[in-house]
Amino acid sequence: MSCAALQASCLSSYLTGGPDLESAATEFFDLQQLVVDAAWTVSAGGDAVRLDAMNHVEVDEDVRQQRWAMDQVVGTTLVDGH
């Protein structure tokens, strides 16, 4: 649902910008590309970790940072502060 809400926000920004509705909506797709990439990274991240470990692949620093950040989010959701 978060991805859908963000894509709706992109669509709103695109439409309120007065686009030419007779031509391809490439500007809209450019706006929502970040949303799609982020959602895909999160949803496929676990699979990628397993494949990297199985294939003994060294991952880039940005991938390590993304995985660390996701681990922090998941770890935080598992902790009850009460």
N, C-alpha and C. Protein backbone atom coordinates (compact mmCIF):
# COMPACT_ATOMS: atom_id res chain seq x y z
N MET A 1 0.82 -1.19 0.00
CA MET A 1 0.00 0.00 0.00
C MET A 1 0.87 1.25 0.00
N SER A 2 1.99 1.21 0.67
CA SER A 2 2.87 2.38 0.68
C SER A 2 3.35 2.71 -0.72
N CYS A 3 3.70 1.69 -1.47
CA CYS A 3 4.16 1.89 -2.84
C CYS A 3 3.05 2.50 -3.68
N ALA A 4 1.85 2.00 -3.53
CA ALA A 4 0.72 2.53 -4.29
C ALA A 4 0.45 3.99 -3.93
N ALA A 5 0.55 4.32 -2.65
CA ALA A 5 0.34 5.71 -2.22
C ALA A 5 1.41 6.62 -2.80
N LEU A 6 2.66 6.16 -2.81
CA LEU A 6 3.74 6.97 -3.37
C LEU A 6 3.58 7.14 -4.88
N GLN A 7 3.13 6.08 -5.55
CA GLN A 7 2.90 6.20 -6.99
C GLN A 7 1.74 7.14 -7.28
N ALA A 8 0.71 7.12 -6.44
CA ALA A 8 -0.41 8.06 -6.60
C ALA A 8 0.08 9.49 -6.41
N SER A 9 0.99 9.69 -5.47
CA SER A 9 1.57 11.02 -5.26
C SER A 9 2.35 11.47 -6.49
N CYS A 10 3.09 10.55 -7.09
CA CYS A 10 3.81 10.86 -8.33
C CYS A 10 2.84 11.25 -9.44
N LEU A 11 1.76 10.51 -9.54
CA LEU A 11 0.76 10.79 -10.57
C LEU A 11 0.13 12.15 -10.34
N SER A 12 -0.17 12.46 -9.08
CA SER A 12 -0.73 13.77 -8.75
C SER A 12 0.23 14.89 -9.14
N SER A 13 1.50 14.72 -8.80
CA SER A 13 2.50 15.73 -9.16
C SER A 13 2.58 15.90 -10.68
N TYR A 14 2.54 14.81 -11.37
CA TYR A 14 2.60 14.85 -12.83
C TYR A 14 1.39 15.57 -13.40
N LEU A 15 0.20 15.19 -12.95
CA LEU A 15 -1.02 15.77 -13.52
C LEU A 15 -1.21 17.24 -13.15
N THR A 16 -0.80 17.62 -11.94
CA THR A 16 -0.94 19.03 -11.56
C THR A 16 0.11 19.91 -12.22
N GLY A 17 1.11 19.30 -12.82
CA GLY A 17 2.14 20.06 -13.53
C GLY A 17 1.73 20.47 -14.93
N GLY A 18 0.49 20.14 -15.33
CA GLY A 18 -0.01 20.54 -16.65
C GLY A 18 0.65 19.83 -17.81
N PRO A 19 0.71 18.49 -17.76
CA PRO A 19 1.38 17.76 -18.85
C PRO A 19 0.56 17.78 -20.14
N ASP A 20 1.23 17.50 -21.22
CA ASP A 20 0.55 17.32 -22.51
C ASP A 20 -0.04 15.91 -22.50
N LEU A 21 -1.35 15.82 -22.34
CA LEU A 21 -2.01 14.52 -22.22
C LEU A 21 -2.13 13.79 -23.56
N GLU A 22 -1.71 14.43 -24.61
CA GLU A 22 -1.73 13.80 -25.93
C GLU A 22 -0.42 13.06 -26.23
N SER A 23 0.57 13.21 -25.37
CA SER A 23 1.86 12.54 -25.61
C SER A 23 2.14 11.53 -24.50
N ALA A 24 3.17 10.76 -24.69
CA ALA A 24 3.55 9.72 -23.72
C ALA A 24 3.86 10.36 -22.36
N ALA A 25 3.54 9.65 -21.30
CA ALA A 25 3.72 10.15 -19.94
C ALA A 25 5.10 9.81 -19.39
N THR A 26 6.13 10.04 -20.17
CA THR A 26 7.49 9.67 -19.74
C THR A 26 7.90 10.42 -18.48
N GLU A 27 7.44 11.64 -18.30
CA GLU A 27 7.79 12.39 -17.09
C GLU A 27 7.21 11.70 -15.85
N PHE A 28 5.99 11.19 -15.95
CA PHE A 28 5.39 10.45 -14.83
C PHE A 28 6.22 9.22 -14.51
N PHE A 29 6.60 8.48 -15.53
CA PHE A 29 7.39 7.27 -15.29
C PHE A 29 8.75 7.59 -14.69
N ASP A 30 9.32 8.72 -15.09
CA ASP A 30 10.57 9.15 -14.46
C ASP A 30 10.37 9.45 -12.98
N LEU A 31 9.24 10.10 -12.65
CA LEU A 31 8.95 10.43 -11.26
C LEU A 31 8.80 9.17 -10.40
N GLN A 32 8.10 8.19 -10.91
CA GLN A 32 7.80 7.02 -10.09
C GLN A 32 8.86 5.93 -10.16
N GLN A 33 9.90 6.12 -10.93
CA GLN A 33 10.95 5.11 -11.05
C GLN A 33 11.64 4.85 -9.71
N LEU A 34 11.87 5.89 -8.93
CA LEU A 34 12.50 5.73 -7.61
C LEU A 34 11.63 4.87 -6.70
N VAL A 35 10.31 5.08 -6.77
CA VAL A 35 9.38 4.30 -5.95
C VAL A 35 9.45 2.82 -6.33
N VAL A 36 9.42 2.56 -7.62
CA VAL A 36 9.46 1.18 -8.11
C VAL A 36 10.80 0.52 -7.74
N ASP A 37 11.90 1.23 -7.94
CA ASP A 37 13.21 0.67 -7.62
C ASP A 37 13.33 0.35 -6.13
N ALA A 38 12.85 1.25 -5.28
CA ALA A 38 12.93 1.02 -3.83
C ALA A 38 12.08 -0.17 -3.42
N ALA A 39 10.86 -0.25 -3.95
CA ALA A 39 9.98 -1.37 -3.61
C ALA A 39 10.59 -2.70 -4.06
N TRP A 40 11.17 -2.71 -5.24
CA TRP A 40 11.78 -3.94 -5.76
C TRP A 40 12.99 -4.35 -4.92
N THR A 41 13.79 -3.37 -4.54
CA THR A 41 14.97 -3.65 -3.72
C THR A 41 14.57 -4.28 -2.39
N VAL A 42 13.54 -3.72 -1.76
CA VAL A 42 13.09 -4.26 -0.48
C VAL A 42 12.50 -5.65 -0.65
N SER A 43 11.66 -5.84 -1.66
CA SER A 43 11.00 -7.13 -1.80
C SER A 43 11.94 -8.24 -2.24
N ALA A 44 12.97 -7.91 -2.99
CA ALA A 44 13.89 -8.94 -3.49
C ALA A 44 15.16 -9.04 -2.65
N GLY A 45 15.30 -8.19 -1.64
CA GLY A 45 16.53 -8.13 -0.86
C GLY A 45 16.90 -9.44 -0.19
N GLY A 46 15.92 -10.11 0.41
CA GLY A 46 16.21 -11.37 1.09
C GLY A 46 16.71 -12.44 0.15
N ASP A 47 16.10 -12.51 -1.02
CA ASP A 47 16.54 -13.48 -2.03
C ASP A 47 17.97 -13.18 -2.47
N ALA A 48 18.26 -11.91 -2.67
CA ALA A 48 19.59 -11.52 -3.12
C ALA A 48 20.66 -11.88 -2.09
N VAL A 49 20.34 -11.71 -0.81
CA VAL A 49 21.30 -12.05 0.25
C VAL A 49 21.64 -13.54 0.20
N ARG A 50 20.61 -14.37 0.06
CA ARG A 50 20.85 -15.81 0.01
C ARG A 50 21.67 -16.20 -1.22
N LEU A 51 21.32 -15.61 -2.37
CA LEU A 51 22.07 -15.93 -3.59
C LEU A 51 23.51 -15.48 -3.49
N ASP A 52 23.74 -14.29 -2.92
CA ASP A 52 25.12 -13.82 -2.77
C ASP A 52 25.91 -14.76 -1.87
N ALA A 53 25.30 -15.21 -0.77
CA ALA A 53 26.00 -16.11 0.15
C ALA A 53 26.27 -17.46 -0.51
N MET A 54 25.29 -17.99 -1.23
CA MET A 54 25.46 -19.29 -1.88
C MET A 54 26.55 -19.25 -2.95
N ASN A 55 26.63 -18.13 -3.66
CA ASN A 55 27.58 -18.01 -4.76
C ASN A 55 28.90 -17.35 -4.35
N HIS A 56 29.03 -17.06 -3.04
CA HIS A 56 30.24 -16.42 -2.51
C HIS A 56 30.56 -15.13 -3.26
N VAL A 57 29.52 -14.32 -3.47
CA VAL A 57 29.67 -13.07 -4.20
C VAL A 57 29.93 -11.93 -3.22
N GLU A 58 30.91 -11.12 -3.53
CA GLU A 58 31.20 -9.92 -2.75
C GLU A 58 30.27 -8.82 -3.25
N VAL A 59 29.54 -8.18 -2.35
CA VAL A 59 28.58 -7.15 -2.76
C VAL A 59 29.17 -5.76 -2.61
N ASP A 60 28.64 -4.83 -3.39
CA ASP A 60 29.08 -3.44 -3.35
C ASP A 60 28.74 -2.80 -2.01
N GLU A 61 29.43 -1.73 -1.69
CA GLU A 61 29.21 -1.01 -0.43
C GLU A 61 27.78 -0.47 -0.33
N ASP A 62 27.24 0.05 -1.43
CA ASP A 62 25.87 0.58 -1.35
C ASP A 62 24.86 -0.53 -1.06
N VAL A 63 25.09 -1.72 -1.57
CA VAL A 63 24.21 -2.86 -1.28
C VAL A 63 24.34 -3.25 0.19
N ARG A 64 25.55 -3.27 0.69
CA ARG A 64 25.75 -3.58 2.12
C ARG A 64 25.04 -2.56 3.01
N GLN A 65 25.11 -1.30 2.64
CA GLN A 65 24.44 -0.26 3.42
C GLN A 65 22.92 -0.41 3.37
N GLN A 66 22.38 -0.73 2.19
CA GLN A 66 20.93 -0.96 2.07
C GLN A 66 20.50 -2.12 2.95
N ARG A 67 21.28 -3.19 2.93
CA ARG A 67 20.94 -4.36 3.74
C ARG A 67 21.04 -4.05 5.22
N TRP A 68 22.05 -3.28 5.61
CA TRP A 68 22.19 -2.89 7.02
C TRP A 68 20.99 -2.06 7.45
N ALA A 69 20.58 -1.09 6.63
CA ALA A 69 19.44 -0.24 6.97
C ALA A 69 18.17 -1.08 7.10
N MET A 70 17.96 -2.03 6.20
CA MET A 70 16.77 -2.88 6.28
C MET A 70 16.82 -3.75 7.53
N ASP A 71 17.99 -4.25 7.87
CA ASP A 71 18.14 -5.04 9.10
C ASP A 71 17.77 -4.20 10.32
N GLN A 72 18.15 -2.91 10.32
CA GLN A 72 17.80 -2.03 11.43
C GLN A 72 16.30 -1.83 11.54
N VAL A 73 15.64 -1.65 10.40
CA VAL A 73 14.18 -1.48 10.40
C VAL A 73 13.49 -2.73 10.91
N VAL A 74 13.89 -3.87 10.37
CA VAL A 74 13.27 -5.14 10.79
C VAL A 74 13.56 -5.41 12.27
N GLY A 75 14.79 -5.19 12.70
CA GLY A 75 15.14 -5.40 14.09
C GLY A 75 14.34 -4.52 15.03
N THR A 76 14.10 -3.30 14.63
CA THR A 76 13.33 -2.36 15.45
C THR A 76 11.87 -2.80 15.56
N THR A 77 11.33 -3.34 14.52
CA THR A 77 9.93 -3.76 14.55
C THR A 77 9.73 -4.98 15.44
N LEU A 78 10.80 -5.70 15.74
CA LEU A 78 10.70 -6.89 16.57
C LEU A 78 10.90 -6.61 18.05
N VAL A 79 11.18 -5.36 18.39
CA VAL A 79 11.45 -4.99 19.78
C VAL A 79 10.26 -4.25 20.35
N ASP A 80 9.76 -4.72 21.49
CA ASP A 80 8.67 -4.05 22.19
C ASP A 80 9.27 -3.21 23.30
N GLY A 81 9.10 -1.92 23.22
CA GLY A 81 9.69 -1.02 24.21
C GLY A 81 8.95 -0.96 25.52
N HIS A 82 7.89 -1.72 25.66
CA HIS A 82 7.09 -1.66 26.91
C HIS A 82 7.42 -2.81 27.81
